[in-house]
Amino acid sequence: MKKIITILLLSSLFSETFIYSAGFRFINVGKATISSIVNDDNQVVINALVESNKFLDRLYKVRDEVKLTVNPEDFSLKKIEKNVLEGNWEKNYIAEIDSNLNINTKDKLIENDKLLFDPISIIYNLRAKELITGKKYQYNILGIDEIKSLATEVKEKETIKVPAGKYQCIKVVPYSTTGDKIFKENGYMTAWFSNDDKKIPVKIELKTNIGNLVLKLKKIIP
């Protein structure tokens, strides 16, 4: 009975889908979806997909898929699956984090003793945090066979207009604690969360190798 109640509670908290438009400045180039469900092991599974539209597919096809299995308490990683296609560049990567926090891939075992996150799982972690201006949070990011330190800082509040409506938002900006590159091509991910209890990720800005990709919320499916 307790397990059933736990599953129902987790499902009510984490079963949601965010649908975004994806574009560079004023040019729409595709869409993005970020969703979460609870599996039979009471773990949260987060799926993210960024895909270019038919027009851009002819010039530079993008299909970035990420599936994360995370702990429901803090959204730290238990498993990560990435299938990335950007133009002529393609990469597939799978890693599991064992009970000792070591990283297991197809080819190697990487010793580790830190809780690990992906940029997408950080978004979910931040939704559970107190987002007060000036507050900072530290994370360790798992890249492809590498770990990097990352800090996030809560910045000023902003009014953000997206297809889903107008929101009062809290801006959160990441930065490297070591001066190393955080993401591919020295990229970053800035997020704007609704200034309420839900902390909806209203807008996400990603630096890619072809410019700043902006995701704007279009719809929420509970």
N, C-alpha and C. Protein backbone atom coordinates (compact mmCIF):
# COMPACT_ATOMS: atom_id res chain seq x y z
N MET A 1 0.83 -1.21 0.00
CA MET A 1 0.00 0.00 0.00
C MET A 1 0.86 1.26 0.00
N LYS A 2 1.92 1.23 0.83
CA LYS A 2 2.82 2.39 0.90
C LYS A 2 3.48 2.65 -0.44
N LYS A 3 3.86 1.55 -1.16
CA LYS A 3 4.49 1.70 -2.46
C LYS A 3 3.53 2.33 -3.46
N ILE A 4 2.26 1.91 -3.41
CA ILE A 4 1.25 2.46 -4.32
C ILE A 4 1.06 3.95 -4.08
N ILE A 5 1.01 4.33 -2.79
CA ILE A 5 0.85 5.76 -2.45
C ILE A 5 2.05 6.56 -2.94
N THR A 6 3.25 5.99 -2.77
CA THR A 6 4.48 6.67 -3.22
C THR A 6 4.46 6.89 -4.73
N ILE A 7 4.06 5.84 -5.47
CA ILE A 7 4.01 5.95 -6.93
C ILE A 7 3.01 7.01 -7.37
N LEU A 8 1.84 7.02 -6.73
CA LEU A 8 0.81 8.01 -7.08
C LEU A 8 1.29 9.43 -6.78
N LEU A 9 1.98 9.59 -5.65
CA LEU A 9 2.49 10.91 -5.28
C LEU A 9 3.54 11.38 -6.26
N LEU A 10 4.50 10.51 -6.60
CA LEU A 10 5.54 10.86 -7.55
C LEU A 10 4.95 11.19 -8.91
N SER A 11 3.97 10.39 -9.34
CA SER A 11 3.35 10.61 -10.65
C SER A 11 2.67 11.97 -10.72
N SER A 12 2.00 12.35 -9.63
CA SER A 12 1.31 13.64 -9.62
C SER A 12 2.28 14.80 -9.64
N LEU A 13 3.48 14.59 -9.09
CA LEU A 13 4.47 15.66 -9.03
C LEU A 13 5.26 15.79 -10.33
N PHE A 14 5.58 14.66 -10.98
CA PHE A 14 6.56 14.69 -12.05
C PHE A 14 6.04 14.29 -13.43
N SER A 15 4.76 13.96 -13.57
CA SER A 15 4.23 13.60 -14.88
C SER A 15 3.74 14.88 -15.57
N GLU A 16 4.60 15.45 -16.41
CA GLU A 16 4.26 16.69 -17.10
C GLU A 16 5.10 16.80 -18.36
N THR A 17 4.60 17.57 -19.30
CA THR A 17 5.30 17.79 -20.56
C THR A 17 5.29 19.28 -20.90
N PHE A 18 6.47 19.81 -21.22
CA PHE A 18 6.61 21.20 -21.66
C PHE A 18 6.94 21.19 -23.14
N ILE A 19 6.18 21.95 -23.91
CA ILE A 19 6.42 22.04 -25.35
C ILE A 19 6.88 23.46 -25.67
N TYR A 20 7.97 23.56 -26.43
CA TYR A 20 8.58 24.86 -26.73
C TYR A 20 8.73 25.08 -28.23
N SER A 21 8.71 26.33 -28.62
CA SER A 21 9.21 26.69 -29.94
C SER A 21 10.72 26.84 -29.82
N ALA A 22 11.43 26.58 -30.89
CA ALA A 22 12.88 26.69 -30.88
C ALA A 22 13.31 27.61 -32.00
N GLY A 23 14.11 28.62 -31.69
CA GLY A 23 14.49 29.56 -32.72
C GLY A 23 15.76 30.32 -32.41
N PHE A 24 16.29 30.97 -33.44
CA PHE A 24 17.44 31.86 -33.32
C PHE A 24 16.93 33.27 -33.54
N ARG A 25 16.98 34.08 -32.49
CA ARG A 25 16.42 35.43 -32.51
C ARG A 25 14.95 35.36 -32.93
N PHE A 26 14.60 35.92 -34.11
CA PHE A 26 13.20 35.95 -34.52
C PHE A 26 12.85 34.87 -35.53
N ILE A 27 13.76 33.94 -35.75
CA ILE A 27 13.55 32.91 -36.76
C ILE A 27 13.24 31.58 -36.08
N ASN A 28 12.04 31.06 -36.32
CA ASN A 28 11.66 29.78 -35.77
C ASN A 28 12.31 28.67 -36.59
N VAL A 29 12.97 27.74 -35.93
CA VAL A 29 13.68 26.68 -36.65
C VAL A 29 13.21 25.28 -36.27
N GLY A 30 12.29 25.19 -35.30
CA GLY A 30 11.83 23.86 -34.91
C GLY A 30 11.10 23.89 -33.59
N LYS A 31 11.15 22.78 -32.89
CA LYS A 31 10.45 22.68 -31.61
C LYS A 31 11.27 21.84 -30.63
N ALA A 32 10.89 21.94 -29.37
CA ALA A 32 11.54 21.16 -28.33
C ALA A 32 10.49 20.67 -27.35
N THR A 33 10.76 19.53 -26.77
CA THR A 33 9.86 18.94 -25.78
C THR A 33 10.68 18.44 -24.60
N ILE A 34 10.25 18.78 -23.40
CA ILE A 34 10.86 18.25 -22.18
C ILE A 34 9.74 17.64 -21.35
N SER A 35 9.85 16.37 -21.05
CA SER A 35 8.79 15.69 -20.31
C SER A 35 9.37 14.83 -19.21
N SER A 36 8.54 14.49 -18.23
CA SER A 36 8.98 13.65 -17.13
C SER A 36 7.86 12.70 -16.72
N ILE A 37 8.25 11.48 -16.39
CA ILE A 37 7.32 10.47 -15.89
C ILE A 37 7.99 9.73 -14.74
N VAL A 38 7.24 8.88 -14.07
CA VAL A 38 7.80 8.04 -13.02
C VAL A 38 7.73 6.59 -13.48
N ASN A 39 8.87 5.88 -13.41
CA ASN A 39 8.88 4.49 -13.86
C ASN A 39 8.51 3.54 -12.71
N ASP A 40 8.54 2.25 -13.00
CA ASP A 40 8.10 1.25 -12.01
C ASP A 40 9.04 1.16 -10.80
N ASP A 41 10.25 1.70 -10.93
CA ASP A 41 11.21 1.68 -9.83
C ASP A 41 11.19 2.97 -9.01
N ASN A 42 10.13 3.76 -9.21
CA ASN A 42 9.98 5.04 -8.50
C ASN A 42 11.10 6.03 -8.82
N GLN A 43 11.66 5.91 -10.00
CA GLN A 43 12.65 6.86 -10.49
C GLN A 43 11.98 7.80 -11.49
N VAL A 44 12.45 9.01 -11.52
CA VAL A 44 11.93 9.98 -12.50
C VAL A 44 12.71 9.83 -13.80
N VAL A 45 11.99 9.72 -14.90
CA VAL A 45 12.61 9.64 -16.22
C VAL A 45 12.28 10.93 -16.98
N ILE A 46 13.32 11.64 -17.39
CA ILE A 46 13.18 12.90 -18.10
C ILE A 46 13.60 12.69 -19.56
N ASN A 47 12.73 13.07 -20.47
CA ASN A 47 13.03 12.99 -21.90
C ASN A 47 13.06 14.39 -22.49
N ALA A 48 14.09 14.68 -23.25
CA ALA A 48 14.20 15.98 -23.92
C ALA A 48 14.52 15.75 -25.39
N LEU A 49 13.83 16.48 -26.25
CA LEU A 49 14.05 16.37 -27.69
C LEU A 49 14.04 17.75 -28.31
N VAL A 50 15.08 18.07 -29.07
CA VAL A 50 15.12 19.28 -29.88
C VAL A 50 15.21 18.83 -31.33
N GLU A 51 14.28 19.29 -32.16
CA GLU A 51 14.29 18.88 -33.56
C GLU A 51 14.00 20.06 -34.47
N SER A 52 14.76 20.14 -35.54
CA SER A 52 14.59 21.20 -36.53
C SER A 52 13.35 20.93 -37.38
N ASN A 53 12.82 21.99 -37.98
CA ASN A 53 11.65 21.82 -38.85
C ASN A 53 12.10 21.33 -40.24
N LYS A 54 11.12 21.07 -41.10
CA LYS A 54 11.42 20.49 -42.41
C LYS A 54 12.30 21.40 -43.26
N PHE A 55 12.09 22.72 -43.12
CA PHE A 55 12.90 23.66 -43.91
C PHE A 55 14.37 23.60 -43.50
N LEU A 56 14.62 23.66 -42.19
CA LEU A 56 16.01 23.63 -41.72
C LEU A 56 16.64 22.26 -41.94
N ASP A 57 15.83 21.22 -41.94
CA ASP A 57 16.36 19.88 -42.17
C ASP A 57 17.16 19.80 -43.47
N ARG A 58 16.76 20.56 -44.45
CA ARG A 58 17.46 20.53 -45.74
C ARG A 58 18.86 21.14 -45.64
N LEU A 59 19.02 22.07 -44.69
CA LEU A 59 20.29 22.79 -44.57
C LEU A 59 21.15 22.25 -43.42
N TYR A 60 20.50 22.00 -42.29
CA TYR A 60 21.25 21.60 -41.09
C TYR A 60 20.29 20.86 -40.16
N LYS A 61 20.20 19.58 -40.34
CA LYS A 61 19.24 18.78 -39.58
C LYS A 61 19.69 18.64 -38.13
N VAL A 62 18.76 18.86 -37.21
CA VAL A 62 19.03 18.72 -35.78
C VAL A 62 18.04 17.75 -35.16
N ARG A 63 18.57 16.75 -34.50
CA ARG A 63 17.77 15.82 -33.70
C ARG A 63 18.59 15.49 -32.44
N ASP A 64 18.36 16.24 -31.40
CA ASP A 64 19.08 16.03 -30.14
C ASP A 64 18.12 15.39 -29.14
N GLU A 65 18.38 14.16 -28.79
CA GLU A 65 17.52 13.42 -27.85
C GLU A 65 18.32 13.05 -26.60
N VAL A 66 17.72 13.31 -25.46
CA VAL A 66 18.34 12.95 -24.19
C VAL A 66 17.30 12.27 -23.32
N LYS A 67 17.66 11.12 -22.78
CA LYS A 67 16.81 10.41 -21.82
C LYS A 67 17.59 10.26 -20.53
N LEU A 68 17.04 10.80 -19.45
CA LEU A 68 17.70 10.77 -18.16
C LEU A 68 16.86 9.99 -17.16
N THR A 69 17.48 9.07 -16.46
CA THR A 69 16.84 8.43 -15.31
C THR A 69 17.50 9.02 -14.07
N VAL A 70 16.68 9.63 -13.20
CA VAL A 70 17.24 10.40 -12.09
C VAL A 70 16.58 10.02 -10.77
N ASN A 71 17.28 10.34 -9.69
CA ASN A 71 16.72 10.16 -8.36
C ASN A 71 15.64 11.21 -8.11
N PRO A 72 14.48 10.82 -7.59
CA PRO A 72 13.40 11.79 -7.37
C PRO A 72 13.70 12.79 -6.27
N GLU A 73 14.64 12.47 -5.38
CA GLU A 73 14.92 13.38 -4.26
C GLU A 73 15.68 14.63 -4.70
N ASP A 74 16.63 14.48 -5.64
CA ASP A 74 17.46 15.63 -6.02
C ASP A 74 17.73 15.71 -7.53
N PHE A 75 17.20 14.75 -8.30
CA PHE A 75 17.35 14.72 -9.76
C PHE A 75 18.80 14.46 -10.20
N SER A 76 19.59 13.88 -9.32
CA SER A 76 20.93 13.45 -9.72
C SER A 76 20.80 12.23 -10.63
N LEU A 77 21.81 12.02 -11.46
CA LEU A 77 21.73 11.00 -12.51
C LEU A 77 21.90 9.58 -12.00
N LYS A 78 21.09 8.69 -12.59
CA LYS A 78 21.31 7.26 -12.45
C LYS A 78 21.66 6.65 -13.81
N LYS A 79 21.13 7.25 -14.87
CA LYS A 79 21.45 6.79 -16.22
C LYS A 79 21.22 7.93 -17.20
N ILE A 80 22.07 7.98 -18.22
CA ILE A 80 21.91 9.01 -19.25
C ILE A 80 22.08 8.36 -20.62
N GLU A 81 21.19 8.69 -21.53
CA GLU A 81 21.25 8.21 -22.91
C GLU A 81 21.14 9.41 -23.84
N LYS A 82 22.13 9.61 -24.69
CA LYS A 82 22.14 10.74 -25.62
C LYS A 82 22.28 10.26 -27.05
N ASN A 83 21.43 10.80 -27.91
CA ASN A 83 21.54 10.57 -29.35
C ASN A 83 21.50 11.94 -30.01
N VAL A 84 22.64 12.39 -30.47
CA VAL A 84 22.78 13.76 -30.97
C VAL A 84 23.11 13.76 -32.45
N LEU A 85 22.32 14.49 -33.22
CA LEU A 85 22.59 14.70 -34.64
C LEU A 85 22.47 16.19 -34.92
N GLU A 86 23.59 16.80 -35.29
CA GLU A 86 23.63 18.23 -35.64
C GLU A 86 24.41 18.37 -36.93
N GLY A 87 23.69 18.52 -38.04
CA GLY A 87 24.35 18.58 -39.34
C GLY A 87 25.03 17.26 -39.64
N ASN A 88 26.33 17.30 -39.88
CA ASN A 88 27.09 16.09 -40.16
C ASN A 88 27.70 15.45 -38.91
N TRP A 89 27.46 16.09 -37.76
CA TRP A 89 28.03 15.59 -36.51
C TRP A 89 27.02 14.73 -35.78
N GLU A 90 27.43 13.52 -35.42
CA GLU A 90 26.52 12.59 -34.75
C GLU A 90 27.25 11.92 -33.59
N LYS A 91 26.53 11.77 -32.47
CA LYS A 91 27.14 11.14 -31.29
C LYS A 91 26.07 10.39 -30.50
N ASN A 92 26.39 9.16 -30.12
CA ASN A 92 25.52 8.37 -29.26
C ASN A 92 26.30 8.01 -28.00
N TYR A 93 25.64 8.15 -26.86
CA TYR A 93 26.36 7.95 -25.59
C TYR A 93 25.39 7.41 -24.54
N ILE A 94 25.82 6.38 -23.84
CA ILE A 94 25.05 5.81 -22.74
C ILE A 94 25.97 5.61 -21.54
N ALA A 95 25.51 6.02 -20.38
CA ALA A 95 26.28 5.81 -19.15
C ALA A 95 25.33 5.56 -18.00
N GLU A 96 25.73 4.68 -17.10
CA GLU A 96 24.98 4.41 -15.89
C GLU A 96 25.83 4.73 -14.68
N ILE A 97 25.18 5.27 -13.66
CA ILE A 97 25.88 5.60 -12.42
C ILE A 97 25.50 4.54 -11.39
N ASP A 98 26.48 3.83 -10.87
CA ASP A 98 26.17 2.74 -9.95
C ASP A 98 25.95 3.26 -8.53
N SER A 99 25.74 2.34 -7.61
CA SER A 99 25.42 2.72 -6.23
C SER A 99 26.58 3.42 -5.52
N ASN A 100 27.80 3.26 -6.06
CA ASN A 100 28.97 3.95 -5.51
C ASN A 100 29.30 5.25 -6.25
N LEU A 101 28.42 5.63 -7.18
CA LEU A 101 28.53 6.85 -7.98
C LEU A 101 29.56 6.74 -9.11
N ASN A 102 30.12 5.56 -9.32
CA ASN A 102 31.02 5.38 -10.46
C ASN A 102 30.22 5.37 -11.77
N ILE A 103 30.90 5.74 -12.85
CA ILE A 103 30.24 5.88 -14.15
C ILE A 103 30.61 4.68 -15.01
N ASN A 104 29.59 3.96 -15.45
CA ASN A 104 29.80 2.78 -16.28
C ASN A 104 29.32 3.07 -17.70
N THR A 105 30.22 2.94 -18.67
CA THR A 105 29.86 3.07 -20.07
C THR A 105 30.15 1.75 -20.76
N LYS A 106 29.90 1.71 -22.04
CA LYS A 106 30.13 0.49 -22.81
C LYS A 106 31.60 0.09 -22.79
N ASP A 107 32.48 1.08 -22.75
CA ASP A 107 33.91 0.81 -22.92
C ASP A 107 34.74 0.92 -21.64
N LYS A 108 34.21 1.59 -20.62
CA LYS A 108 35.08 1.85 -19.47
C LYS A 108 34.29 2.08 -18.19
N LEU A 109 35.02 2.07 -17.09
CA LEU A 109 34.50 2.44 -15.79
C LEU A 109 35.26 3.67 -15.32
N ILE A 110 34.54 4.74 -15.01
CA ILE A 110 35.16 5.97 -14.55
C ILE A 110 34.86 6.13 -13.06
N GLU A 111 35.92 6.16 -12.26
CA GLU A 111 35.74 6.30 -10.82
C GLU A 111 35.23 7.70 -10.48
N ASN A 112 34.30 7.76 -9.55
CA ASN A 112 33.68 9.02 -9.20
C ASN A 112 33.08 8.91 -7.79
N ASP A 113 33.05 10.01 -7.07
CA ASP A 113 32.43 10.01 -5.75
C ASP A 113 31.48 11.19 -5.55
N LYS A 114 31.06 11.82 -6.67
CA LYS A 114 30.20 13.00 -6.59
C LYS A 114 28.83 12.72 -7.20
N LEU A 115 27.82 13.40 -6.69
CA LEU A 115 26.52 13.38 -7.34
C LEU A 115 26.66 14.06 -8.70
N LEU A 116 26.09 13.48 -9.73
CA LEU A 116 26.24 14.00 -11.08
C LEU A 116 24.89 14.44 -11.64
N PHE A 117 24.97 15.46 -12.51
CA PHE A 117 23.76 16.01 -13.12
C PHE A 117 23.99 16.23 -14.61
N ASP A 118 22.91 16.38 -15.32
CA ASP A 118 22.90 16.85 -16.70
C ASP A 118 22.25 18.23 -16.68
N PRO A 119 22.55 19.11 -17.65
CA PRO A 119 21.91 20.43 -17.65
C PRO A 119 20.39 20.38 -17.55
N ILE A 120 19.76 19.38 -18.18
CA ILE A 120 18.30 19.27 -18.10
C ILE A 120 17.86 18.87 -16.69
N SER A 121 18.59 17.96 -16.06
CA SER A 121 18.20 17.57 -14.70
C SER A 121 18.44 18.71 -13.70
N ILE A 122 19.38 19.59 -14.02
CA ILE A 122 19.59 20.77 -13.17
C ILE A 122 18.35 21.66 -13.17
N ILE A 123 17.70 21.77 -14.32
CA ILE A 123 16.48 22.56 -14.39
C ILE A 123 15.46 22.04 -13.39
N TYR A 124 15.32 20.72 -13.33
CA TYR A 124 14.36 20.14 -12.38
C TYR A 124 14.83 20.33 -10.95
N ASN A 125 16.13 20.20 -10.70
CA ASN A 125 16.66 20.42 -9.36
C ASN A 125 16.40 21.85 -8.89
N LEU A 126 16.60 22.80 -9.79
CA LEU A 126 16.41 24.21 -9.43
C LEU A 126 14.94 24.52 -9.13
N ARG A 127 14.04 23.78 -9.75
CA ARG A 127 12.62 24.02 -9.49
C ARG A 127 12.26 23.71 -8.03
N ALA A 128 13.08 22.91 -7.39
CA ALA A 128 12.84 22.56 -5.98
C ALA A 128 13.62 23.45 -5.02
N LYS A 129 14.40 24.39 -5.58
CA LYS A 129 15.23 25.26 -4.75
C LYS A 129 14.51 26.58 -4.45
N GLU A 130 15.09 27.29 -3.49
CA GLU A 130 14.62 28.63 -3.18
C GLU A 130 15.39 29.60 -4.08
N LEU A 131 14.70 30.18 -5.03
CA LEU A 131 15.37 31.03 -6.02
C LEU A 131 15.31 32.49 -5.58
N ILE A 132 16.29 32.86 -4.77
CA ILE A 132 16.41 34.23 -4.26
C ILE A 132 17.59 34.89 -4.95
N THR A 133 17.42 36.13 -5.37
CA THR A 133 18.48 36.86 -6.08
C THR A 133 19.80 36.79 -5.33
N GLY A 134 20.85 36.38 -6.06
CA GLY A 134 22.17 36.27 -5.48
C GLY A 134 22.51 34.88 -4.96
N LYS A 135 21.49 34.02 -4.83
CA LYS A 135 21.72 32.66 -4.34
C LYS A 135 22.48 31.85 -5.38
N LYS A 136 23.42 31.01 -4.93
CA LYS A 136 24.22 30.20 -5.84
C LYS A 136 24.13 28.73 -5.45
N TYR A 137 24.14 27.87 -6.46
CA TYR A 137 24.10 26.43 -6.24
C TYR A 137 25.18 25.76 -7.08
N GLN A 138 25.83 24.76 -6.51
CA GLN A 138 26.94 24.06 -7.16
C GLN A 138 26.49 22.70 -7.69
N TYR A 139 27.03 22.33 -8.87
CA TYR A 139 26.70 21.03 -9.47
C TYR A 139 27.95 20.44 -10.13
N ASN A 140 27.91 19.14 -10.33
CA ASN A 140 28.90 18.44 -11.14
C ASN A 140 28.19 17.85 -12.36
N ILE A 141 28.65 18.25 -13.54
CA ILE A 141 27.99 17.89 -14.79
C ILE A 141 28.71 16.72 -15.44
N LEU A 142 27.94 15.71 -15.85
CA LEU A 142 28.51 14.60 -16.60
C LEU A 142 28.40 14.90 -18.08
N GLY A 143 29.58 15.08 -18.72
CA GLY A 143 29.62 15.21 -20.17
C GLY A 143 29.88 13.84 -20.75
N ILE A 144 30.44 13.78 -21.93
CA ILE A 144 30.77 12.50 -22.54
C ILE A 144 32.12 12.06 -21.98
N ASP A 145 32.07 11.18 -20.99
CA ASP A 145 33.25 10.64 -20.31
C ASP A 145 34.08 11.71 -19.59
N GLU A 146 33.42 12.76 -19.12
CA GLU A 146 34.14 13.77 -18.35
C GLU A 146 33.18 14.43 -17.37
N ILE A 147 33.75 14.97 -16.30
CA ILE A 147 32.97 15.64 -15.27
C ILE A 147 33.47 17.07 -15.14
N LYS A 148 32.53 18.01 -15.11
CA LYS A 148 32.90 19.42 -14.96
C LYS A 148 32.08 20.06 -13.85
N SER A 149 32.71 21.00 -13.16
CA SER A 149 32.02 21.72 -12.10
C SER A 149 31.25 22.89 -12.67
N LEU A 150 30.10 23.14 -12.09
CA LEU A 150 29.23 24.21 -12.57
C LEU A 150 28.56 24.87 -11.38
N ALA A 151 28.44 26.18 -11.44
CA ALA A 151 27.66 26.91 -10.45
C ALA A 151 26.54 27.64 -11.16
N THR A 152 25.43 27.82 -10.46
CA THR A 152 24.34 28.63 -11.00
C THR A 152 24.07 29.78 -10.04
N GLU A 153 23.73 30.91 -10.60
CA GLU A 153 23.43 32.09 -9.77
C GLU A 153 22.07 32.64 -10.15
N VAL A 154 21.27 32.91 -9.14
CA VAL A 154 19.95 33.49 -9.36
C VAL A 154 20.11 34.99 -9.59
N LYS A 155 19.62 35.43 -10.73
CA LYS A 155 19.75 36.84 -11.09
C LYS A 155 18.43 37.59 -10.86
N GLU A 156 18.27 38.68 -11.60
CA GLU A 156 17.13 39.55 -11.40
C GLU A 156 15.84 38.93 -11.95
N LYS A 157 14.72 39.46 -11.49
CA LYS A 157 13.41 39.04 -12.01
C LYS A 157 13.13 39.78 -13.32
N GLU A 158 12.47 39.10 -14.25
CA GLU A 158 12.14 39.70 -15.54
C GLU A 158 10.74 39.28 -15.96
N THR A 159 10.10 40.15 -16.74
CA THR A 159 8.82 39.78 -17.36
C THR A 159 9.13 39.18 -18.72
N ILE A 160 8.69 37.94 -18.93
CA ILE A 160 8.99 37.22 -20.16
C ILE A 160 7.70 36.90 -20.90
N LYS A 161 7.67 37.23 -22.19
CA LYS A 161 6.52 36.92 -23.02
C LYS A 161 6.87 35.78 -23.96
N VAL A 162 6.10 34.71 -23.91
CA VAL A 162 6.29 33.53 -24.75
C VAL A 162 4.93 33.16 -25.36
N PRO A 163 4.90 32.22 -26.30
CA PRO A 163 3.61 31.84 -26.89
C PRO A 163 2.56 31.39 -25.87
N ALA A 164 2.99 30.83 -24.73
CA ALA A 164 2.04 30.37 -23.72
C ALA A 164 1.48 31.52 -22.88
N GLY A 165 2.05 32.73 -23.02
CA GLY A 165 1.56 33.88 -22.26
C GLY A 165 2.68 34.72 -21.69
N LYS A 166 2.31 35.61 -20.79
CA LYS A 166 3.29 36.50 -20.15
C LYS A 166 3.51 36.04 -18.71
N TYR A 167 4.78 35.95 -18.32
CA TYR A 167 5.12 35.44 -17.00
C TYR A 167 6.10 36.38 -16.30
N GLN A 168 5.93 36.50 -14.99
CA GLN A 168 6.97 37.09 -14.15
C GLN A 168 7.96 35.98 -13.84
N CYS A 169 9.21 36.18 -14.20
CA CYS A 169 10.18 35.09 -14.13
C CYS A 169 11.40 35.43 -13.28
N ILE A 170 12.06 34.37 -12.85
CA ILE A 170 13.34 34.46 -12.15
C ILE A 170 14.40 33.90 -13.09
N LYS A 171 15.43 34.67 -13.35
CA LYS A 171 16.49 34.28 -14.27
C LYS A 171 17.62 33.59 -13.51
N VAL A 172 18.06 32.45 -14.03
CA VAL A 172 19.17 31.71 -13.42
C VAL A 172 20.24 31.48 -14.48
N VAL A 173 21.48 31.88 -14.14
CA VAL A 173 22.59 31.82 -15.10
C VAL A 173 23.67 30.88 -14.58
N PRO A 174 24.17 29.97 -15.42
CA PRO A 174 25.27 29.09 -15.01
C PRO A 174 26.63 29.68 -15.35
N TYR A 175 27.65 29.26 -14.63
CA TYR A 175 29.01 29.66 -14.97
C TYR A 175 29.97 28.60 -14.45
N SER A 176 31.13 28.53 -15.06
CA SER A 176 32.14 27.54 -14.65
C SER A 176 32.85 28.03 -13.39
N THR A 177 33.10 27.12 -12.48
CA THR A 177 33.83 27.48 -11.26
C THR A 177 35.33 27.37 -11.45
N THR A 178 35.75 26.82 -12.60
CA THR A 178 37.18 26.59 -12.84
C THR A 178 37.71 27.34 -14.06
N GLY A 179 36.80 27.95 -14.82
CA GLY A 179 37.23 28.61 -16.05
C GLY A 179 37.21 27.69 -17.25
N ASP A 180 36.90 26.41 -17.05
CA ASP A 180 36.82 25.46 -18.16
C ASP A 180 35.52 25.66 -18.93
N LYS A 181 35.48 25.11 -20.12
CA LYS A 181 34.24 25.12 -20.89
C LYS A 181 33.20 24.28 -20.16
N ILE A 182 31.97 24.79 -20.12
CA ILE A 182 30.91 24.05 -19.42
C ILE A 182 30.27 23.04 -20.37
N PHE A 183 29.82 23.53 -21.50
CA PHE A 183 29.18 22.68 -22.47
C PHE A 183 29.91 22.79 -23.80
N LYS A 184 29.45 22.04 -24.77
CA LYS A 184 30.10 22.03 -26.07
C LYS A 184 30.22 23.44 -26.65
N GLU A 185 31.35 23.70 -27.29
CA GLU A 185 31.62 25.00 -27.90
C GLU A 185 31.55 26.14 -26.88
N ASN A 186 32.01 25.87 -25.64
CA ASN A 186 32.01 26.87 -24.58
C ASN A 186 30.60 27.41 -24.33
N GLY A 187 29.61 26.52 -24.48
CA GLY A 187 28.21 26.94 -24.40
C GLY A 187 27.73 27.19 -22.98
N TYR A 188 26.50 27.59 -22.88
CA TYR A 188 25.89 27.83 -21.59
C TYR A 188 24.40 27.58 -21.73
N MET A 189 23.71 27.53 -20.62
CA MET A 189 22.27 27.40 -20.64
C MET A 189 21.68 28.30 -19.57
N THR A 190 20.98 29.32 -19.99
CA THR A 190 20.31 30.24 -19.08
C THR A 190 18.83 29.89 -19.06
N ALA A 191 18.22 29.90 -17.88
CA ALA A 191 16.81 29.53 -17.77
C ALA A 191 16.04 30.59 -17.01
N TRP A 192 14.78 30.77 -17.42
CA TRP A 192 13.86 31.67 -16.75
C TRP A 192 12.71 30.83 -16.18
N PHE A 193 12.53 30.90 -14.86
CA PHE A 193 11.48 30.13 -14.19
C PHE A 193 10.35 31.06 -13.75
N SER A 194 9.12 30.58 -13.84
CA SER A 194 8.00 31.39 -13.37
C SER A 194 8.16 31.67 -11.88
N ASN A 195 7.86 32.88 -11.49
CA ASN A 195 8.05 33.32 -10.11
C ASN A 195 6.84 32.92 -9.26
N ASP A 196 6.69 31.61 -9.10
CA ASP A 196 5.60 31.07 -8.29
C ASP A 196 6.03 29.71 -7.76
N ASP A 197 5.12 29.00 -7.13
CA ASP A 197 5.47 27.72 -6.52
C ASP A 197 5.84 26.66 -7.56
N LYS A 198 5.29 26.76 -8.77
CA LYS A 198 5.54 25.75 -9.79
C LYS A 198 6.91 25.89 -10.43
N LYS A 199 7.43 27.11 -10.47
CA LYS A 199 8.74 27.38 -11.09
C LYS A 199 8.83 26.72 -12.48
N ILE A 200 7.88 27.05 -13.31
CA ILE A 200 7.82 26.50 -14.67
C ILE A 200 9.00 27.03 -15.49
N PRO A 201 9.74 26.17 -16.19
CA PRO A 201 10.81 26.66 -17.08
C PRO A 201 10.20 27.30 -18.33
N VAL A 202 10.00 28.60 -18.24
CA VAL A 202 9.28 29.35 -19.27
C VAL A 202 10.14 29.58 -20.51
N LYS A 203 11.41 29.83 -20.30
CA LYS A 203 12.32 30.13 -21.41
C LYS A 203 13.70 29.55 -21.09
N ILE A 204 14.32 28.97 -22.11
CA ILE A 204 15.65 28.40 -21.96
C ILE A 204 16.50 28.85 -23.13
N GLU A 205 17.68 29.36 -22.85
CA GLU A 205 18.58 29.82 -23.92
C GLU A 205 19.85 28.97 -23.91
N LEU A 206 20.13 28.38 -25.05
CA LEU A 206 21.29 27.49 -25.18
C LEU A 206 22.27 28.07 -26.19
N LYS A 207 23.55 28.04 -25.85
CA LYS A 207 24.56 28.43 -26.83
C LYS A 207 24.98 27.18 -27.58
N THR A 208 24.83 27.20 -28.90
CA THR A 208 25.21 26.07 -29.73
C THR A 208 26.32 26.50 -30.68
N ASN A 209 26.80 25.55 -31.47
CA ASN A 209 27.88 25.89 -32.39
C ASN A 209 27.40 26.67 -33.61
N ILE A 210 26.08 26.93 -33.69
CA ILE A 210 25.57 27.77 -34.79
C ILE A 210 24.81 28.99 -34.26
N GLY A 211 24.96 29.29 -32.97
CA GLY A 211 24.32 30.48 -32.43
C GLY A 211 23.51 30.18 -31.18
N ASN A 212 22.85 31.21 -30.66
CA ASN A 212 22.06 31.06 -29.44
C ASN A 212 20.67 30.55 -29.76
N LEU A 213 20.36 29.34 -29.31
CA LEU A 213 19.06 28.73 -29.54
C LEU A 213 18.16 29.05 -28.35
N VAL A 214 16.99 29.61 -28.64
CA VAL A 214 16.07 30.03 -27.58
C VAL A 214 14.81 29.16 -27.62
N LEU A 215 14.50 28.54 -26.50
CA LEU A 215 13.28 27.75 -26.36
C LEU A 215 12.25 28.58 -25.61
N LYS A 216 11.06 28.75 -26.19
CA LYS A 216 10.00 29.53 -25.56
C LYS A 216 8.76 28.65 -25.37
N LEU A 217 8.25 28.65 -24.16
CA LEU A 217 7.15 27.77 -23.81
C LEU A 217 5.90 28.05 -24.65
N LYS A 218 5.36 26.98 -25.22
CA LYS A 218 4.13 27.07 -26.00
C LYS A 218 2.95 26.45 -25.26
N LYS A 219 3.22 25.34 -24.57
CA LYS A 219 2.12 24.59 -23.99
C LYS A 219 2.63 23.70 -22.87
N ILE A 220 1.78 23.48 -21.88
CA ILE A 220 2.06 22.53 -20.80
C ILE A 220 1.00 21.45 -20.82
N ILE A 221 1.45 20.19 -20.84
CA ILE A 221 0.51 19.08 -20.75
C ILE A 221 0.70 18.42 -19.40
N PRO A 222 -0.27 18.52 -18.51
CA PRO A 222 -0.11 17.97 -17.15
C PRO A 222 -0.15 16.44 -17.16
